[in-house]
C-alpha atoms as a PDB file:
ATOM      1  CA  MET A   1      -0.182 -20.773 -11.950  1.00  0.00           C
ATOM      2  CA  THR A   2      -0.694 -20.884  -8.363  1.00  0.00           C
ATOM      3  CA  TRP A   3      -0.388 -17.702  -6.129  1.00  0.00           C
ATOM      4  CA  ARG A   4      -0.739 -16.015  -2.930  1.00  0.00           C
ATOM      5  CA  VAL A   5      -0.678 -12.571  -1.415  1.00  0.00           C
ATOM      6  CA  ALA A   6       2.436 -11.552   0.759  1.00  0.00           C
ATOM      7  CA  GLU A   7       1.700 -12.166   4.349  1.00  0.00           C
ATOM      8  CA  SER A   8       2.605  -8.391   5.183  1.00  0.00           C
ATOM      9  CA  LEU A   9      -0.039  -7.112   3.050  1.00  0.00           C
ATOM     10  CA  LEU A  10      -2.533  -9.356   4.528  1.00  0.00           C
ATOM     11  CA  GLU A  11      -1.602  -8.030   7.826  1.00  0.00           C
ATOM     12  CA  LEU A  12      -1.827  -4.529   6.317  1.00  0.00           C
ATOM     13  CA  ARG A  13      -5.450  -5.192   4.996  1.00  0.00           C
ATOM     14  CA  GLU A  14      -6.491  -6.875   8.285  1.00  0.00           C
ATOM     15  CA  GLU A  15      -5.365  -3.700  10.134  1.00  0.00           C
ATOM     16  CA  ILE A  16      -7.213  -1.266   7.644  1.00  0.00           C
ATOM     17  CA  ASP A  17     -10.269  -3.362   7.899  1.00  0.00           C
ATOM     18  CA  ALA A  18     -10.126  -3.378  11.821  1.00  0.00           C
ATOM     19  CA  PHE A  19      -9.587   0.607  11.590  1.00  0.00           C
ATOM     20  CA  ALA A  20     -12.453   1.239   9.347  1.00  0.00           C
ATOM     21  CA  PRO A  21     -14.930  -1.793   9.105  1.00  0.00           C
ATOM     22  CA  ASP A  22     -17.445   0.019   7.313  1.00  0.00           C
ATOM     23  CA  ARG A  23     -15.306   1.325   4.461  1.00  0.00           C
ATOM     24  CA  SER A  24     -15.850   0.630   0.726  1.00  0.00           C
ATOM     25  CA  THR A  25     -13.698  -1.879  -0.954  1.00  0.00           C
ATOM     26  CA  GLU A  26     -14.706  -1.304  -4.317  1.00  0.00           C
ATOM     27  CA  PHE A  27     -11.436  -0.699  -5.750  1.00  0.00           C
ATOM     28  CA  ASP A  28      -9.387  -3.038  -3.449  1.00  0.00           C
ATOM     29  CA  GLY A  29      -7.429  -5.614  -4.927  1.00  0.00           C
ATOM     30  CA  THR A  30      -4.063  -7.671  -5.014  1.00  0.00           C
ATOM     31  CA  ILE A  31      -4.026 -10.043  -8.136  1.00  0.00           C
ATOM     32  CA  GLY A  32      -3.543  -8.052 -11.468  1.00  0.00           C
ATOM     33  CA  ASP A  33      -6.154  -8.146 -13.926  1.00  0.00           C
ATOM     34  CA  GLU A  34      -5.246  -8.854 -17.854  1.00  0.00           C
ATOM     35  CA  GLU A  35      -4.201  -5.512 -18.133  1.00  0.00           C
ATOM     36  CA  HIS A  36      -1.679  -5.886 -15.464  1.00  0.00           C
ATOM     37  CA  ALA A  37      -0.552  -9.316 -16.709  1.00  0.00           C
ATOM     38  CA  GLY A  38       0.695  -7.721 -19.985  1.00  0.00           C
ATOM     39  CA  ARG A  39       3.449  -5.512 -18.101  1.00  0.00           C
ATOM     40  CA  LYS A  40       5.619  -5.605 -15.210  1.00  0.00           C
ATOM     41  CA  SER A  41       3.355  -5.037 -12.040  1.00  0.00           C
ATOM     42  CA  ASP A  42       3.606  -6.042  -8.388  1.00  0.00           C
ATOM     43  CA  HIS A  43       0.098  -7.028  -8.811  1.00  0.00           C
ATOM     44  CA  ASN A  44       1.349  -9.970 -10.885  1.00  0.00           C
ATOM     45  CA  PRO A  45       2.671 -13.211  -8.790  1.00  0.00           C
ATOM     46  CA  SER A  46       6.042 -12.990 -10.803  1.00  0.00           C
ATOM     47  CA  ILE A  47       8.254 -13.466  -7.580  1.00  0.00           C
ATOM     48  CA  LYS A  48       8.327 -17.289  -6.513  1.00  0.00           C
ATOM     49  CA  ASP A  49       8.573 -18.018  -2.650  1.00  0.00           C
ATOM     50  CA  SER A  50      10.502 -21.011  -1.382  1.00  0.00           C
ATOM     51  CA  ASN A  51       7.594 -23.710  -2.413  1.00  0.00           C
ATOM     52  CA  GLY A  52       7.596 -22.190  -6.150  1.00  0.00           C
ATOM     53  CA  THR A  53       4.329 -20.224  -5.537  1.00  0.00           C
ATOM     54  CA  GLY A  54       3.822 -16.974  -7.145  1.00  0.00           C
ATOM     55  CA  VAL A  55       3.834 -14.051  -4.629  1.00  0.00           C
ATOM     56  CA  VAL A  56       1.467 -11.012  -5.335  1.00  0.00           C
ATOM     57  CA  ARG A  57       3.331  -7.806  -3.736  1.00  0.00           C
ATOM     58  CA  ALA A  58       0.909  -5.195  -4.395  1.00  0.00           C
ATOM     59  CA  LEU A  59      -2.303  -3.896  -2.667  1.00  0.00           C
ATOM     60  CA  ASP A  60      -5.060  -1.308  -3.655  1.00  0.00           C
ATOM     61  CA  VAL A  61      -7.004   0.109  -0.865  1.00  0.00           C
ATOM     62  CA  THR A  62     -10.007   2.152  -1.789  1.00  0.00           C
ATOM     63  CA  HIS A  63     -10.308   5.895  -0.856  1.00  0.00           C
ATOM     64  CA  ASP A  64     -13.545   6.333   1.299  1.00  0.00           C
ATOM     65  CA  PRO A  65     -13.454   9.090   3.956  1.00  0.00           C
ATOM     66  CA  ALA A  66     -17.003   8.557   4.417  1.00  0.00           C
ATOM     67  CA  GLY A  67     -16.425   5.326   5.340  1.00  0.00           C
ATOM     68  CA  GLY A  68     -13.405   5.831   7.682  1.00  0.00           C
ATOM     69  CA  LEU A  69     -10.406   5.310   5.376  1.00  0.00           C
ATOM     70  CA  ASP A  70      -8.873   8.359   3.765  1.00  0.00           C
ATOM     71  CA  ALA A  71      -6.522   7.110   1.260  1.00  0.00           C
ATOM     72  CA  GLY A  72      -4.062  10.023   1.603  1.00  0.00           C
ATOM     73  CA  ARG A  73      -3.331   9.685   5.259  1.00  0.00           C
ATOM     74  CA  LEU A  74      -2.870   5.946   4.491  1.00  0.00           C
ATOM     75  CA  ALA A  75      -0.290   6.658   1.686  1.00  0.00           C
ATOM     76  CA  GLU A  76       1.293   9.161   4.094  1.00  0.00           C
ATOM     77  CA  HIS A  77       1.585   6.838   6.750  1.00  0.00           C
ATOM     78  CA  ILE A  78       3.116   4.109   4.605  1.00  0.00           C
ATOM     79  CA  ARG A  79       5.566   6.726   3.087  1.00  0.00           C
ATOM     80  CA  GLU A  80       6.571   7.640   6.434  1.00  0.00           C
ATOM     81  CA  LEU A  81       7.110   4.038   7.353  1.00  0.00           C
ATOM     82  CA  GLY A  82       9.379   3.578   4.384  1.00  0.00           C
ATOM     83  CA  ALA A  83      11.211   6.920   5.027  1.00  0.00           C
ATOM     84  CA  SER A  84      11.867   5.677   8.645  1.00  0.00           C
ATOM     85  CA  GLY A  85      13.533   2.574   7.359  1.00  0.00           C
ATOM     86  CA  ASP A  86      10.772  -0.113   7.204  1.00  0.00           C
ATOM     87  CA  LYS A  87      12.106  -2.610   4.717  1.00  0.00           C
ATOM     88  CA  ARG A  88       8.555  -4.146   4.000  1.00  0.00           C
ATOM     89  CA  VAL A  89       7.735  -0.743   1.863  1.00  0.00           C
ATOM     90  CA  SER A  90       8.897  -0.756  -1.515  1.00  0.00           C
ATOM     91  CA  TYR A  91       6.806   2.151  -2.848  1.00  0.00           C
ATOM     92  CA  VAL A  92       3.287   3.777  -2.489  1.00  0.00           C
ATOM     93  CA  ILE A  93       1.072   5.490  -5.096  1.00  0.00           C
ATOM     94  CA  TRP A  94      -1.654   7.738  -4.635  1.00  0.00           C
ATOM     95  CA  ASN A  95      -3.290  10.865  -6.327  1.00  0.00           C
ATOM     96  CA  GLU A  96      -0.851  10.873  -9.323  1.00  0.00           C
ATOM     97  CA  ARG A  97       2.150  10.796  -6.818  1.00  0.00           C
ATOM     98  CA  ILE A  98       4.753   7.841  -5.909  1.00  0.00           C
ATOM     99  CA  ALA A  99       7.099   7.857  -3.065  1.00  0.00           C
ATOM    100  CA  SER A 100      10.209   5.360  -2.913  1.00  0.00           C
ATOM    101  CA  PRO A 101      13.822   5.062  -1.913  1.00  0.00           C
ATOM    102  CA  LYS A 102      14.410   6.258  -5.402  1.00  0.00           C
ATOM    103  CA  ALA A 103      13.715  10.067  -4.265  1.00  0.00           C
ATOM    104  CA  GLU A 104      14.533   9.457  -0.415  1.00  0.00           C
ATOM    105  CA  TRP A 105      10.856   8.858   0.268  1.00  0.00           C
ATOM    106  CA  ASN A 106       9.783  12.242  -1.017  1.00  0.00           C
ATOM    107  CA  TRP A 107       6.407  12.653  -3.101  1.00  0.00           C
ATOM    108  CA  ARG A 108       7.257  13.038  -6.860  1.00  0.00           C
ATOM    109  CA  ARG A 109       4.934  12.749  -9.853  1.00  0.00           C
ATOM    110  CA  TYR A 110       3.975   9.299 -10.857  1.00  0.00           C
ATOM    111  CA  PRO A 111       5.191   8.698 -14.251  1.00  0.00           C
ATOM    112  CA  LEU A 112       1.934   6.775 -15.346  1.00  0.00           C
ATOM    113  CA  ALA A 113      -0.356   9.470 -13.963  1.00  0.00           C
ATOM    114  CA  LYS A 114      -2.260  10.087 -16.950  1.00  0.00           C
ATOM    115  CA  GLU A 115      -3.063   6.325 -17.696  1.00  0.00           C
ATOM    116  CA  SER A 116      -3.866   5.421 -13.859  1.00  0.00           C
ATOM    117  CA  PRO A 117      -3.882   8.434 -11.525  1.00  0.00           C
ATOM    118  CA  HIS A 118      -4.503   6.499  -8.469  1.00  0.00           C
ATOM    119  CA  THR A 119      -7.069   8.851  -7.092  1.00  0.00           C
ATOM    120  CA  GLY A 120      -9.738   6.238  -6.301  1.00  0.00           C
ATOM    121  CA  HIS A 121      -7.257   3.926  -4.295  1.00  0.00           C
ATOM    122  CA  VAL A 122      -4.058   3.937  -2.816  1.00  0.00           C
ATOM    123  CA  HIS A 123      -1.396   1.366  -4.179  1.00  0.00           C
ATOM    124  CA  ILE A 124       0.944  -0.169  -1.878  1.00  0.00           C
ATOM    125  CA  SER A 125       4.012  -2.248  -2.977  1.00  0.00           C
ATOM    126  CA  VAL A 126       6.144  -4.393  -0.480  1.00  0.00           C
ATOM    127  CA  SER A 127       9.786  -5.570  -0.678  1.00  0.00           C
ATOM    128  CA  GLU A 128      11.158  -8.614  -3.194  1.00  0.00           C
ATOM    129  CA  ASP A 129      12.839 -10.062   0.016  1.00  0.00           C
ATOM    130  CA  PRO A 130      10.713 -12.939   1.395  1.00  0.00           C
ATOM    131  CA  VAL A 131      11.780 -12.006   5.014  1.00  0.00           C
ATOM    132  CA  ASP A 132      10.116  -8.619   4.519  1.00  0.00           C
ATOM    133  CA  TYR A 133       7.186  -9.249   2.049  1.00  0.00           C
ATOM    134  CA  ASP A 134       6.049 -12.125   4.707  1.00  0.00           C
ATOM    135  CA  SER A 135       6.572 -10.229   7.850  1.00  0.00           C
ATOM    136  CA  THR A 136       3.670 -10.224   9.977  1.00  0.00           C
ATOM    137  CA  ASP A 137       4.899  -7.090  11.874  1.00  0.00           C
ATOM    138  CA  PRO A 138       2.252  -4.777  12.742  1.00  0.00           C
ATOM    139  CA  TRP A 139       1.758  -1.558  10.530  1.00  0.00           C
ATOM    140  CA  ASP A 140       0.368   0.417  13.289  1.00  0.00           C
ATOM    141  CA  ILE A 141      -2.642   1.582  11.280  1.00  0.00           C
ATOM    142  CA  ASP A 142      -4.334   2.806  14.128  1.00  0.00           C
ATOM    143  CA  GLN A 143      -1.705   5.041  15.342  1.00  0.00           C
ATOM    144  CA  GLY A 144      -0.978   6.414  11.909  1.00  0.00           C
ATOM    145  CA  LEU A 145      -4.478   7.081  10.757  1.00  0.00           C
ATOM    146  CA  LYS A 146      -5.886   8.327  14.113  1.00  0.00           C
ATOM    147  CA  PRO A 147      -7.105  11.953  13.753  1.00  0.00           C
ATOM    148  CA  ARG A 148      -4.148  14.259  14.924  1.00  0.00           C
ATOM    149  CA  GLU A 149      -5.137  16.621  17.657  1.00  0.00           C
ATOM    150  CA  LYS A 150      -5.089  20.263  16.930  1.00  0.00           C
ATOM    151  CA  SER A 151      -2.490  22.482  18.689  1.00  0.00           C
ATOM    152  CA  THR A 152      -4.409  24.558  21.309  1.00  0.00           C
ATOM    153  CA  ARG A 153      -1.313  26.739  22.152  1.00  0.00           C
ATOM    154  CA  THR A 154      -1.643  30.637  22.102  1.00  0.00           C
ATOM    155  CA  THR A 155       0.854  33.066  21.506  1.00  0.00           C
END
């Protein structure tokens, strides 16, 4: 089967790599392995584009704070994008939790956390709509992951 990665995820990975060029990619991935192939997963190219090519709509990104990428901050940025109405985002999984429109983008326990806790990587899935999954709009990783300034306010 021929397959490709959703353009929105390629854009996201490009922004992440530019933000943290020295990060580990040990647990990065798109296409599912044999374990994924045996079940429903956005890592499987089950959605076909207009050319009949299977589209992978999931991206795993390695947690590597020492290399410049904190997956928890990335997960929160993606969750906030979804909560603000970004139609590209379907759901995000990180550290035994999942956020999606199902719970109004609030974090909740990931039902498969025992089997796959997602503590070494964050999982990002995008929409089934080709307009959204192939969008090359920026993800604003620089803005979303830059260190937040501490308040200097005194009382």
